[in-house]
């Protein structure tokens, strides 16, 4: 069975892959997506449910083959990915859903920059930061925060900006720090991280 998930925003590729797999007792489901993040999310979902996967790129698209009902050798790359997630349990996941701290936007933008500066100076860094909603402006068009976020990334902080949010604000081509992420990063974070903080 092959399902075409190109053009679908997260978490639709994972949800539709789950629905297709539920209809198969023993067999193979191939999921076609148009970006690497969705491919990793679909493969990660399958691996978490003890199913073998193979992921390959075909032109501008990605294909994830999911095998259900057979015993197969696990994908080494996925084993490493999930091992990294287990190690991250000792760290903090920071989720930022705004580009301003507080109700006064002008003051709030200065406070947000100061917040990142303080984290960097005191070396109180989260393992991962995920930017949602208007928060994606901090990784795209806010030059003051982009600089300090690049410094934090260089110190080992993983940075993701919600792909759906980037598209909503027409900022997909403006991403200047970190990577395009999905809601799966948040859902997995609830299990993979010791602490999750929302701002």
N, C-alpha and C. Protein backbone atom coordinates (compact mmCIF):
# COMPACT_ATOMS: atom_id res chain seq x y z
N UNK A 1 0.84 -1.18 0.00
CA UNK A 1 0.00 0.00 0.00
C UNK A 1 0.89 1.24 0.00
N UNK A 2 0.58 2.22 -0.84
CA UNK A 2 1.32 3.48 -0.86
C UNK A 2 0.38 4.63 -0.59
N UNK A 3 0.78 5.53 0.31
CA UNK A 3 -0.04 6.71 0.58
C UNK A 3 0.79 7.95 0.29
N UNK A 4 0.18 8.92 -0.36
CA UNK A 4 0.86 10.14 -0.78
C UNK A 4 0.53 11.25 0.21
N UNK A 5 1.55 11.67 0.98
CA UNK A 5 1.35 12.71 1.99
C UNK A 5 2.05 14.01 1.61
N UNK A 6 2.41 14.16 0.36
CA UNK A 6 3.07 15.39 -0.08
C UNK A 6 2.12 16.57 0.06
N UNK A 7 2.67 17.67 0.56
CA UNK A 7 1.87 18.88 0.74
C UNK A 7 1.06 18.92 2.03
N UNK A 8 1.15 17.85 2.84
CA UNK A 8 0.40 17.79 4.10
C UNK A 8 1.25 18.34 5.25
N UNK A 9 0.63 19.21 6.05
CA UNK A 9 1.34 19.77 7.21
C UNK A 9 1.32 18.77 8.35
N UNK A 10 2.34 18.87 9.22
CA UNK A 10 2.38 17.98 10.39
C UNK A 10 1.20 18.31 11.29
N UNK A 11 0.61 17.33 11.99
CA UNK A 11 1.10 15.95 12.07
C UNK A 11 0.38 15.00 11.11
N UNK A 12 -0.22 15.52 10.04
CA UNK A 12 -1.02 14.71 9.13
C UNK A 12 -0.29 13.50 8.56
N UNK A 13 0.97 13.61 8.12
CA UNK A 13 1.65 12.42 7.58
C UNK A 13 1.71 11.27 8.58
N UNK A 14 1.98 11.58 9.85
CA UNK A 14 2.04 10.52 10.86
C UNK A 14 0.65 9.95 11.12
N UNK A 15 -0.35 10.81 11.23
CA UNK A 15 -1.71 10.35 11.51
C UNK A 15 -2.23 9.46 10.40
N UNK A 16 -1.98 9.85 9.15
CA UNK A 16 -2.47 9.05 8.02
C UNK A 16 -1.67 7.77 7.85
N UNK A 17 -0.38 7.82 8.21
CA UNK A 17 0.43 6.59 8.19
C UNK A 17 -0.11 5.61 9.23
N UNK A 18 -0.44 6.14 10.41
CA UNK A 18 -0.98 5.28 11.47
C UNK A 18 -2.30 4.64 11.03
N UNK A 19 -3.15 5.43 10.37
CA UNK A 19 -4.44 4.90 9.90
C UNK A 19 -4.23 3.80 8.86
N UNK A 20 -3.29 4.02 7.93
CA UNK A 20 -3.02 3.02 6.89
C UNK A 20 -2.45 1.74 7.49
N UNK A 21 -1.54 1.89 8.45
CA UNK A 21 -0.92 0.72 9.09
C UNK A 21 -1.95 -0.10 9.86
N UNK A 22 -2.92 0.59 10.46
CA UNK A 22 -3.94 -0.11 11.25
C UNK A 22 -4.79 -1.03 10.38
N UNK A 23 -4.81 -0.80 9.08
CA UNK A 23 -5.60 -1.61 8.16
C UNK A 23 -4.82 -2.80 7.60
N UNK A 24 -3.53 -2.88 7.97
CA UNK A 24 -2.66 -3.94 7.46
C UNK A 24 -2.26 -4.86 8.60
N UNK A 25 -2.53 -6.17 8.44
CA UNK A 25 -2.13 -7.13 9.47
C UNK A 25 -0.67 -7.53 9.27
N UNK A 26 -0.30 -7.88 8.06
CA UNK A 26 1.07 -8.21 7.70
C UNK A 26 1.34 -7.62 6.32
N UNK A 27 2.34 -6.78 6.21
CA UNK A 27 2.62 -6.22 4.90
C UNK A 27 3.46 -4.96 4.98
N UNK A 28 3.47 -4.22 3.85
CA UNK A 28 4.31 -3.04 3.73
C UNK A 28 3.46 -1.83 3.35
N UNK A 29 3.69 -0.74 4.06
CA UNK A 29 3.06 0.53 3.74
C UNK A 29 4.16 1.50 3.35
N UNK A 30 4.03 2.13 2.20
CA UNK A 30 5.01 3.13 1.76
C UNK A 30 4.37 4.51 1.84
N UNK A 31 5.05 5.40 2.54
CA UNK A 31 4.55 6.76 2.75
C UNK A 31 5.45 7.72 1.98
N UNK A 32 4.85 8.53 1.11
CA UNK A 32 5.60 9.52 0.32
C UNK A 32 5.34 10.90 0.89
N UNK A 33 6.42 11.61 1.24
CA UNK A 33 6.31 12.97 1.78
C UNK A 33 7.26 13.88 1.00
N UNK A 34 7.13 15.20 1.22
CA UNK A 34 7.95 16.12 0.44
C UNK A 34 9.00 16.85 1.26
N UNK A 35 9.27 16.37 2.49
CA UNK A 35 10.34 17.00 3.28
C UNK A 35 10.92 15.99 4.26
N UNK A 36 12.18 16.22 4.63
CA UNK A 36 12.90 15.28 5.47
C UNK A 36 12.30 15.17 6.87
N UNK A 37 11.80 16.31 7.41
CA UNK A 37 11.24 16.28 8.76
C UNK A 37 10.06 15.32 8.85
N UNK A 38 9.17 15.38 7.86
CA UNK A 38 8.03 14.47 7.86
C UNK A 38 8.48 13.02 7.72
N UNK A 39 9.50 12.79 6.89
CA UNK A 39 10.02 11.43 6.73
C UNK A 39 10.56 10.89 8.06
N UNK A 40 11.31 11.72 8.78
CA UNK A 40 11.85 11.30 10.07
C UNK A 40 10.74 11.05 11.09
N UNK A 41 9.71 11.88 11.05
CA UNK A 41 8.61 11.72 12.00
C UNK A 41 7.84 10.42 11.74
N UNK A 42 7.59 10.12 10.46
CA UNK A 42 6.88 8.88 10.12
C UNK A 42 7.74 7.67 10.50
N UNK A 43 9.04 7.72 10.18
CA UNK A 43 9.93 6.61 10.52
C UNK A 43 10.06 6.45 12.02
N UNK A 44 10.12 7.57 12.74
CA UNK A 44 10.21 7.52 14.19
C UNK A 44 8.98 6.91 14.82
N UNK A 45 7.81 7.27 14.29
CA UNK A 45 6.55 6.69 14.78
C UNK A 45 6.56 5.17 14.60
N UNK A 46 6.98 4.72 13.42
CA UNK A 46 7.01 3.28 13.15
C UNK A 46 7.99 2.57 14.07
N UNK A 47 9.16 3.17 14.27
CA UNK A 47 10.18 2.55 15.13
C UNK A 47 9.70 2.44 16.57
N UNK A 48 8.98 3.48 17.04
CA UNK A 48 8.46 3.45 18.40
C UNK A 48 7.42 2.35 18.58
N UNK A 49 6.82 1.93 17.46
CA UNK A 49 5.83 0.87 17.52
C UNK A 49 6.40 -0.46 17.03
N UNK A 50 7.74 -0.59 17.14
CA UNK A 50 8.46 -1.84 16.84
C UNK A 50 8.29 -2.33 15.41
N UNK A 51 8.22 -1.41 14.47
CA UNK A 51 8.13 -1.78 13.06
C UNK A 51 9.41 -1.35 12.34
N UNK A 52 9.86 -2.16 11.40
CA UNK A 52 11.05 -1.88 10.62
C UNK A 52 10.74 -0.82 9.57
N UNK A 53 11.70 0.08 9.33
CA UNK A 53 11.51 1.10 8.30
C UNK A 53 12.75 1.26 7.44
N UNK A 54 12.54 1.70 6.23
CA UNK A 54 13.61 2.12 5.33
C UNK A 54 13.21 3.47 4.75
N UNK A 55 14.13 4.41 4.77
CA UNK A 55 13.84 5.75 4.27
C UNK A 55 14.81 6.09 3.16
N UNK A 56 14.30 6.60 2.04
CA UNK A 56 15.18 7.01 0.95
C UNK A 56 14.61 8.26 0.28
N UNK A 57 15.50 9.01 -0.32
CA UNK A 57 15.09 10.22 -1.04
C UNK A 57 14.96 9.91 -2.51
N UNK A 58 13.87 10.40 -3.12
CA UNK A 58 13.65 10.21 -4.54
C UNK A 58 13.36 11.58 -5.16
N UNK A 59 14.38 12.20 -5.71
CA UNK A 59 14.21 13.54 -6.25
C UNK A 59 13.94 14.54 -5.14
N UNK A 60 12.82 15.25 -5.26
CA UNK A 60 12.46 16.24 -4.24
C UNK A 60 11.64 15.61 -3.12
N UNK A 61 11.31 14.33 -3.25
CA UNK A 61 10.44 13.67 -2.28
C UNK A 61 11.21 12.65 -1.44
N UNK A 62 10.54 12.19 -0.38
CA UNK A 62 11.08 11.15 0.49
C UNK A 62 10.08 10.02 0.57
N UNK A 63 10.59 8.79 0.60
CA UNK A 63 9.73 7.62 0.72
C UNK A 63 10.13 6.82 1.95
N UNK A 64 9.14 6.55 2.80
CA UNK A 64 9.36 5.75 4.00
C UNK A 64 8.62 4.44 3.85
N UNK A 65 9.38 3.33 3.85
CA UNK A 65 8.78 2.00 3.75
C UNK A 65 8.64 1.44 5.17
N UNK A 66 7.43 1.09 5.55
CA UNK A 66 7.15 0.56 6.89
C UNK A 66 6.70 -0.89 6.75
N UNK A 67 7.38 -1.78 7.46
CA UNK A 67 7.06 -3.21 7.41
C UNK A 67 6.35 -3.60 8.70
N UNK A 68 5.16 -4.15 8.57
CA UNK A 68 4.39 -4.57 9.73
C UNK A 68 4.15 -6.08 9.71
N UNK A 69 4.39 -6.70 10.87
CA UNK A 69 4.06 -8.12 11.01
C UNK A 69 5.19 -9.07 10.74
N UNK A 70 6.37 -8.56 10.41
CA UNK A 70 7.52 -9.41 10.16
C UNK A 70 8.66 -8.98 11.07
N UNK A 71 9.53 -9.90 11.40
CA UNK A 71 10.70 -9.58 12.22
C UNK A 71 11.82 -9.15 11.29
N UNK A 72 12.29 -7.92 11.47
CA UNK A 72 13.34 -7.39 10.61
C UNK A 72 14.43 -6.76 11.47
N UNK A 73 15.60 -6.61 10.87
CA UNK A 73 16.70 -5.96 11.57
C UNK A 73 16.40 -4.47 11.67
N UNK A 74 16.51 -3.87 12.86
CA UNK A 74 16.22 -2.44 13.02
C UNK A 74 17.17 -1.57 12.21
N UNK A 75 16.65 -0.43 11.78
CA UNK A 75 17.44 0.56 11.07
C UNK A 75 18.46 1.17 12.03
N UNK A 76 19.74 1.07 11.69
CA UNK A 76 20.81 1.54 12.59
C UNK A 76 20.69 3.03 12.86
N UNK A 77 20.31 3.82 11.84
CA UNK A 77 20.19 5.27 12.02
C UNK A 77 19.09 5.61 13.01
N UNK A 78 17.98 4.87 12.95
CA UNK A 78 16.89 5.12 13.89
C UNK A 78 17.27 4.70 15.29
N UNK A 79 18.05 3.60 15.40
CA UNK A 79 18.50 3.18 16.72
C UNK A 79 19.33 4.29 17.36
N UNK A 80 20.20 4.92 16.56
CA UNK A 80 21.02 6.01 17.08
C UNK A 80 20.16 7.20 17.45
N UNK A 81 19.16 7.48 16.63
CA UNK A 81 18.28 8.62 16.89
C UNK A 81 17.55 8.46 18.21
N UNK A 82 17.05 7.25 18.47
CA UNK A 82 16.30 7.03 19.71
C UNK A 82 17.23 6.90 20.91
N UNK A 83 18.45 6.46 20.67
CA UNK A 83 19.43 6.44 21.76
C UNK A 83 19.74 7.86 22.19
N UNK A 84 19.86 8.77 21.21
CA UNK A 84 20.10 10.17 21.53
C UNK A 84 18.94 10.74 22.32
N UNK A 85 17.71 10.34 21.97
CA UNK A 85 16.54 10.84 22.68
C UNK A 85 16.55 10.41 24.13
N UNK A 86 16.98 9.16 24.39
CA UNK A 86 17.02 8.68 25.76
C UNK A 86 18.03 9.47 26.59
N UNK A 87 19.17 9.81 25.97
CA UNK A 87 20.17 10.59 26.68
C UNK A 87 19.61 11.97 27.02
N UNK A 88 18.73 12.50 26.17
CA UNK A 88 18.20 13.84 26.37
C UNK A 88 17.25 13.93 27.55
N UNK A 89 16.89 12.78 28.16
CA UNK A 89 15.99 12.80 29.30
C UNK A 89 16.55 13.63 30.46
N UNK A 90 17.84 13.83 30.49
CA UNK A 90 18.47 14.57 31.57
C UNK A 90 18.43 16.08 31.33
N UNK A 91 17.85 16.50 30.19
CA UNK A 91 17.91 17.89 29.79
C UNK A 91 16.53 18.55 29.74
N UNK A 92 16.56 19.80 29.33
CA UNK A 92 15.36 20.64 29.27
C UNK A 92 14.94 20.91 27.83
N UNK A 93 13.63 20.80 27.59
CA UNK A 93 13.03 21.21 26.32
C UNK A 93 12.30 22.53 26.56
N UNK A 94 12.68 23.57 25.83
CA UNK A 94 12.07 24.89 25.95
C UNK A 94 11.21 25.15 24.72
N UNK A 95 9.94 25.45 24.94
CA UNK A 95 9.01 25.73 23.84
C UNK A 95 8.58 27.18 23.93
N UNK A 96 8.82 27.94 22.87
CA UNK A 96 8.52 29.37 22.87
C UNK A 96 7.46 29.65 21.82
N UNK A 97 6.30 30.13 22.27
CA UNK A 97 5.16 30.37 21.38
C UNK A 97 4.85 31.84 21.15
N UNK A 98 5.81 32.71 21.40
CA UNK A 98 5.60 34.15 21.22
C UNK A 98 6.93 34.81 20.89
N UNK A 99 6.86 36.00 20.31
CA UNK A 99 8.10 36.74 20.05
C UNK A 99 8.28 37.88 21.05
N UNK A 100 7.41 37.90 22.08
CA UNK A 100 7.45 38.98 23.06
C UNK A 100 7.08 38.45 24.44
N UNK A 101 7.85 38.86 25.46
CA UNK A 101 7.52 38.48 26.84
C UNK A 101 6.63 39.54 27.46
N UNK A 102 5.40 39.18 27.81
CA UNK A 102 4.48 40.15 28.42
C UNK A 102 3.61 40.83 27.38
N UNK A 103 2.74 41.74 27.84
CA UNK A 103 1.74 42.36 26.97
C UNK A 103 2.27 43.53 26.16
N UNK A 104 3.25 44.26 26.70
CA UNK A 104 3.82 45.39 25.97
C UNK A 104 4.81 44.84 24.95
N UNK A 105 4.47 44.93 23.65
CA UNK A 105 5.28 44.28 22.63
C UNK A 105 6.68 44.85 22.52
N UNK A 106 6.82 46.17 22.55
CA UNK A 106 8.15 46.78 22.42
C UNK A 106 9.05 46.36 23.58
N UNK A 107 8.52 46.46 24.79
CA UNK A 107 9.28 46.04 25.96
C UNK A 107 9.50 44.54 25.94
N UNK A 108 8.46 43.80 25.55
CA UNK A 108 8.52 42.34 25.53
C UNK A 108 9.58 41.80 24.60
N UNK A 109 9.81 42.46 23.46
CA UNK A 109 10.84 42.03 22.52
C UNK A 109 12.23 42.22 23.13
N UNK A 110 12.40 43.33 23.88
CA UNK A 110 13.68 43.57 24.55
C UNK A 110 13.91 42.53 25.65
N UNK A 111 12.82 42.21 26.37
CA UNK A 111 12.92 41.21 27.44
C UNK A 111 13.27 39.83 26.88
N UNK A 112 12.71 39.49 25.72
CA UNK A 112 13.00 38.20 25.10
C UNK A 112 14.48 38.10 24.73
N UNK A 113 15.02 39.17 24.14
CA UNK A 113 16.45 39.19 23.80
C UNK A 113 17.28 39.05 25.08
N UNK A 114 16.88 39.78 26.13
CA UNK A 114 17.60 39.70 27.39
C UNK A 114 17.54 38.31 28.01
N UNK A 115 16.41 37.65 27.82
CA UNK A 115 16.22 36.29 28.35
C UNK A 115 17.23 35.34 27.73
N UNK A 116 17.38 35.42 26.39
CA UNK A 116 18.35 34.55 25.71
C UNK A 116 19.78 34.91 26.09
N UNK A 117 20.06 36.23 26.17
CA UNK A 117 21.40 36.66 26.55
C UNK A 117 21.78 36.12 27.93
N UNK A 118 20.83 36.18 28.87
CA UNK A 118 21.09 35.71 30.23
C UNK A 118 21.35 34.21 30.27
N UNK A 119 20.56 33.45 29.52
CA UNK A 119 20.78 32.00 29.45
C UNK A 119 22.18 31.69 28.94
N UNK A 120 22.60 32.43 27.90
CA UNK A 120 23.92 32.18 27.32
C UNK A 120 25.03 32.53 28.30
N UNK A 121 24.92 33.70 28.93
CA UNK A 121 25.96 34.15 29.85
C UNK A 121 26.12 33.21 31.04
N UNK A 122 24.98 32.76 31.59
CA UNK A 122 25.02 31.89 32.77
C UNK A 122 25.18 30.41 32.40
N UNK A 123 25.24 30.14 31.09
CA UNK A 123 25.39 28.76 30.62
C UNK A 123 24.27 27.86 31.13
N UNK A 124 23.09 28.43 31.31
CA UNK A 124 21.91 27.66 31.70
C UNK A 124 21.12 27.37 30.42
N UNK A 125 21.64 26.46 29.63
CA UNK A 125 21.10 26.23 28.30
C UNK A 125 20.21 25.00 28.23
N UNK A 126 19.08 25.10 27.55
CA UNK A 126 18.26 23.91 27.33
C UNK A 126 18.91 23.01 26.29
N UNK A 127 18.49 21.77 26.26
CA UNK A 127 18.98 20.85 25.22
C UNK A 127 18.41 21.26 23.87
N UNK A 128 17.11 21.61 23.87
CA UNK A 128 16.40 21.93 22.63
C UNK A 128 15.45 23.10 22.85
N UNK A 129 15.33 23.96 21.83
CA UNK A 129 14.32 25.02 21.83
C UNK A 129 13.45 24.83 20.60
N UNK A 130 12.13 24.86 20.80
CA UNK A 130 11.18 24.78 19.69
C UNK A 130 10.39 26.08 19.66
N UNK A 131 10.36 26.74 18.50
CA UNK A 131 9.63 27.99 18.34
C UNK A 131 8.32 27.73 17.60
N UNK A 132 7.22 28.21 18.20
CA UNK A 132 5.88 28.03 17.63
C UNK A 132 5.22 29.38 17.42
N UNK A 133 4.13 29.37 16.65
CA UNK A 133 3.31 30.55 16.48
C UNK A 133 4.19 31.76 16.14
N UNK A 134 3.95 32.92 16.74
CA UNK A 134 4.75 34.11 16.43
C UNK A 134 6.20 33.96 16.88
N UNK A 135 6.48 32.93 17.68
CA UNK A 135 7.85 32.69 18.12
C UNK A 135 8.80 32.44 16.96
N UNK A 136 8.29 31.98 15.82
CA UNK A 136 9.16 31.71 14.67
C UNK A 136 9.77 32.99 14.10
N UNK A 137 9.20 34.15 14.47
CA UNK A 137 9.79 35.41 14.02
C UNK A 137 11.17 35.63 14.64
N UNK A 138 11.41 34.99 15.79
CA UNK A 138 12.69 35.13 16.48
C UNK A 138 13.82 34.43 15.75
N UNK A 139 13.49 33.45 14.92
CA UNK A 139 14.52 32.71 14.17
C UNK A 139 14.57 33.13 12.70
N UNK A 140 13.75 34.12 12.33
CA UNK A 140 13.66 34.48 10.92
C UNK A 140 13.90 35.97 10.65
N UNK A 141 13.10 36.83 11.24
CA UNK A 141 13.15 38.26 10.90
C UNK A 141 13.63 39.16 12.03
N UNK A 142 13.80 38.62 13.22
CA UNK A 142 14.27 39.42 14.35
C UNK A 142 15.80 39.30 14.45
N UNK A 143 16.49 40.27 13.85
CA UNK A 143 17.95 40.20 13.79
C UNK A 143 18.60 40.22 15.18
N UNK A 144 17.96 40.85 16.15
CA UNK A 144 18.55 40.93 17.48
C UNK A 144 18.60 39.57 18.16
N UNK A 145 17.57 38.75 17.98
CA UNK A 145 17.56 37.44 18.62
C UNK A 145 18.30 36.39 17.80
N UNK A 146 18.36 36.57 16.49
CA UNK A 146 19.03 35.60 15.63
C UNK A 146 20.50 35.45 16.03
N UNK A 147 21.15 36.56 16.34
CA UNK A 147 22.56 36.52 16.71
C UNK A 147 22.82 35.68 17.94
N UNK A 148 22.05 35.92 19.01
CA UNK A 148 22.28 35.19 20.26
C UNK A 148 21.85 33.73 20.11
N UNK A 149 20.82 33.48 19.30
CA UNK A 149 20.39 32.09 19.06
C UNK A 149 21.45 31.31 18.30
N UNK A 150 22.13 31.97 17.37
CA UNK A 150 23.24 31.31 16.66
C UNK A 150 24.36 30.97 17.63
N UNK A 151 24.61 31.88 18.58
CA UNK A 151 25.64 31.61 19.60
C UNK A 151 25.25 30.39 20.43
N UNK A 152 23.97 30.31 20.81
CA UNK A 152 23.49 29.19 21.62
C UNK A 152 23.55 27.89 20.82
N UNK A 153 23.24 27.98 19.54
CA UNK A 153 23.32 26.78 18.70
C UNK A 153 24.76 26.29 18.62
N UNK A 154 25.69 27.23 18.53
CA UNK A 154 27.11 26.86 18.48
C UNK A 154 27.56 26.19 19.78
N UNK A 155 26.85 26.47 20.87
CA UNK A 155 27.16 25.86 22.16
C UNK A 155 26.47 24.51 22.34
N UNK A 156 25.74 24.08 21.31
CA UNK A 156 25.14 22.74 21.35
C UNK A 156 23.64 22.69 21.50
N UNK A 157 22.96 23.84 21.56
CA UNK A 157 21.50 23.85 21.69
C UNK A 157 20.86 23.52 20.34
N UNK A 158 19.93 22.57 20.34
CA UNK A 158 19.19 22.24 19.12
C UNK A 158 18.01 23.19 18.99
N UNK A 159 17.84 23.78 17.81
CA UNK A 159 16.80 24.79 17.59
C UNK A 159 15.92 24.38 16.42
N UNK A 160 14.61 24.40 16.65
CA UNK A 160 13.63 24.06 15.62
C UNK A 160 12.54 25.12 15.56
N UNK A 161 12.07 25.41 14.36
CA UNK A 161 10.94 26.32 14.16
C UNK A 161 9.83 25.54 13.48
N UNK A 162 8.62 25.67 14.02
CA UNK A 162 7.45 24.97 13.50
C UNK A 162 7.24 25.25 12.02
N UNK A 163 7.26 24.20 11.20
CA UNK A 163 7.10 24.36 9.76
C UNK A 163 5.75 24.94 9.38
N UNK A 164 4.69 24.52 10.05
CA UNK A 164 3.35 25.05 9.77
C UNK A 164 3.29 26.53 10.10
N UNK A 165 3.95 26.92 11.19
CA UNK A 165 3.96 28.33 11.61
C UNK A 165 4.76 29.18 10.63
N UNK A 166 5.89 28.66 10.17
CA UNK A 166 6.68 29.38 9.17
C UNK A 166 5.85 29.62 7.91
N UNK A 167 5.12 28.61 7.50
CA UNK A 167 4.28 28.74 6.31
C UNK A 167 3.15 29.74 6.53
N UNK A 168 2.55 29.72 7.71
CA UNK A 168 1.45 30.64 8.04
C UNK A 168 1.90 32.09 7.93
N UNK A 169 3.10 32.38 8.43
CA UNK A 169 3.62 33.75 8.40
C UNK A 169 4.42 34.05 7.13
N UNK A 170 4.43 33.10 6.18
CA UNK A 170 5.17 33.26 4.92
C UNK A 170 6.65 33.52 5.18
N UNK A 171 7.22 32.72 6.11
CA UNK A 171 8.61 32.90 6.50
C UNK A 171 9.46 31.65 6.21
N UNK A 172 8.96 30.75 5.38
CA UNK A 172 9.69 29.50 5.12
C UNK A 172 11.08 29.73 4.54
N UNK A 173 11.23 30.77 3.73
CA UNK A 173 12.53 31.04 3.10
C UNK A 173 13.39 31.97 3.95
N UNK A 174 12.88 32.38 5.12
CA UNK A 174 13.59 33.36 5.95
C UNK A 174 14.31 32.74 7.15
N UNK A 175 14.23 31.41 7.30
CA UNK A 175 14.82 30.77 8.47
C UNK A 175 16.34 30.98 8.48
N UNK A 176 16.84 31.59 9.57
CA UNK A 176 18.26 31.96 9.65
C UNK A 176 19.03 31.20 10.72
N UNK A 177 18.32 30.49 11.59
CA UNK A 177 19.02 29.71 12.61
C UNK A 177 18.18 28.47 12.93
N UNK A 178 18.85 27.34 13.10
CA UNK A 178 18.13 26.10 13.42
C UNK A 178 17.52 25.45 12.19
N UNK A 179 16.54 24.58 12.46
CA UNK A 179 15.93 23.78 11.41
C UNK A 179 14.41 23.86 11.47
N UNK A 180 13.79 23.48 10.38
CA UNK A 180 12.34 23.38 10.33
C UNK A 180 11.90 22.17 11.14
N UNK A 181 10.92 22.36 12.04
CA UNK A 181 10.48 21.27 12.91
C UNK A 181 9.00 20.99 12.74
N UNK A 182 8.51 20.02 13.51
CA UNK A 182 7.10 19.63 13.46
C UNK A 182 6.58 19.45 14.88
N UNK A 183 5.26 19.24 14.99
CA UNK A 183 4.66 19.01 16.31
C UNK A 183 5.16 17.71 16.93
N UNK A 184 5.71 16.82 16.12
CA UNK A 184 6.25 15.58 16.67
C UNK A 184 7.38 15.83 17.64
N UNK A 185 8.15 16.90 17.40
CA UNK A 185 9.23 17.24 18.31
C UNK A 185 8.68 17.55 19.71
N UNK A 186 7.49 18.15 19.76
CA UNK A 186 6.89 18.47 21.05
C UNK A 186 6.33 17.21 21.71
N UNK A 187 5.61 16.41 20.93
CA UNK A 187 5.01 15.19 21.48
C UNK A 187 6.09 14.24 21.99
N UNK A 188 7.16 14.06 21.20
CA UNK A 188 8.25 13.19 21.64
C UNK A 188 8.95 13.78 22.85
N UNK A 189 9.00 15.13 22.90
CA UNK A 189 9.66 15.78 24.02
C UNK A 189 9.01 15.50 25.35
N UNK A 190 7.71 15.25 25.34
CA UNK A 190 7.01 14.94 26.59
C UNK A 190 7.55 13.66 27.23
N UNK A 191 8.09 12.77 26.41
CA UNK A 191 8.65 11.51 26.91
C UNK A 191 10.16 11.57 27.01
N UNK A 192 10.80 12.26 26.06
CA UNK A 192 12.25 12.21 25.93
C UNK A 192 12.99 13.15 26.88
N UNK A 193 12.30 14.17 27.39
CA UNK A 193 12.97 15.17 28.22
C UNK A 193 12.51 15.11 29.66
N UNK A 194 13.45 15.42 30.53
CA UNK A 194 13.18 15.42 31.96
C UNK A 194 12.21 16.53 32.32
N UNK A 195 12.35 17.68 31.65
CA UNK A 195 11.50 18.84 31.94
C UNK A 195 11.15 19.56 30.65
N UNK A 196 9.88 19.99 30.54
CA UNK A 196 9.43 20.77 29.39
C UNK A 196 8.88 22.09 29.91
N UNK A 197 9.38 23.20 29.39
CA UNK A 197 8.95 24.54 29.81
C UNK A 197 8.37 25.27 28.62
N UNK A 198 7.15 25.82 28.79
CA UNK A 198 6.49 26.59 27.74
C UNK A 198 6.55 28.08 28.09
N UNK A 199 6.83 28.91 27.08
CA UNK A 199 6.80 30.37 27.25
C UNK A 199 5.90 30.96 26.18
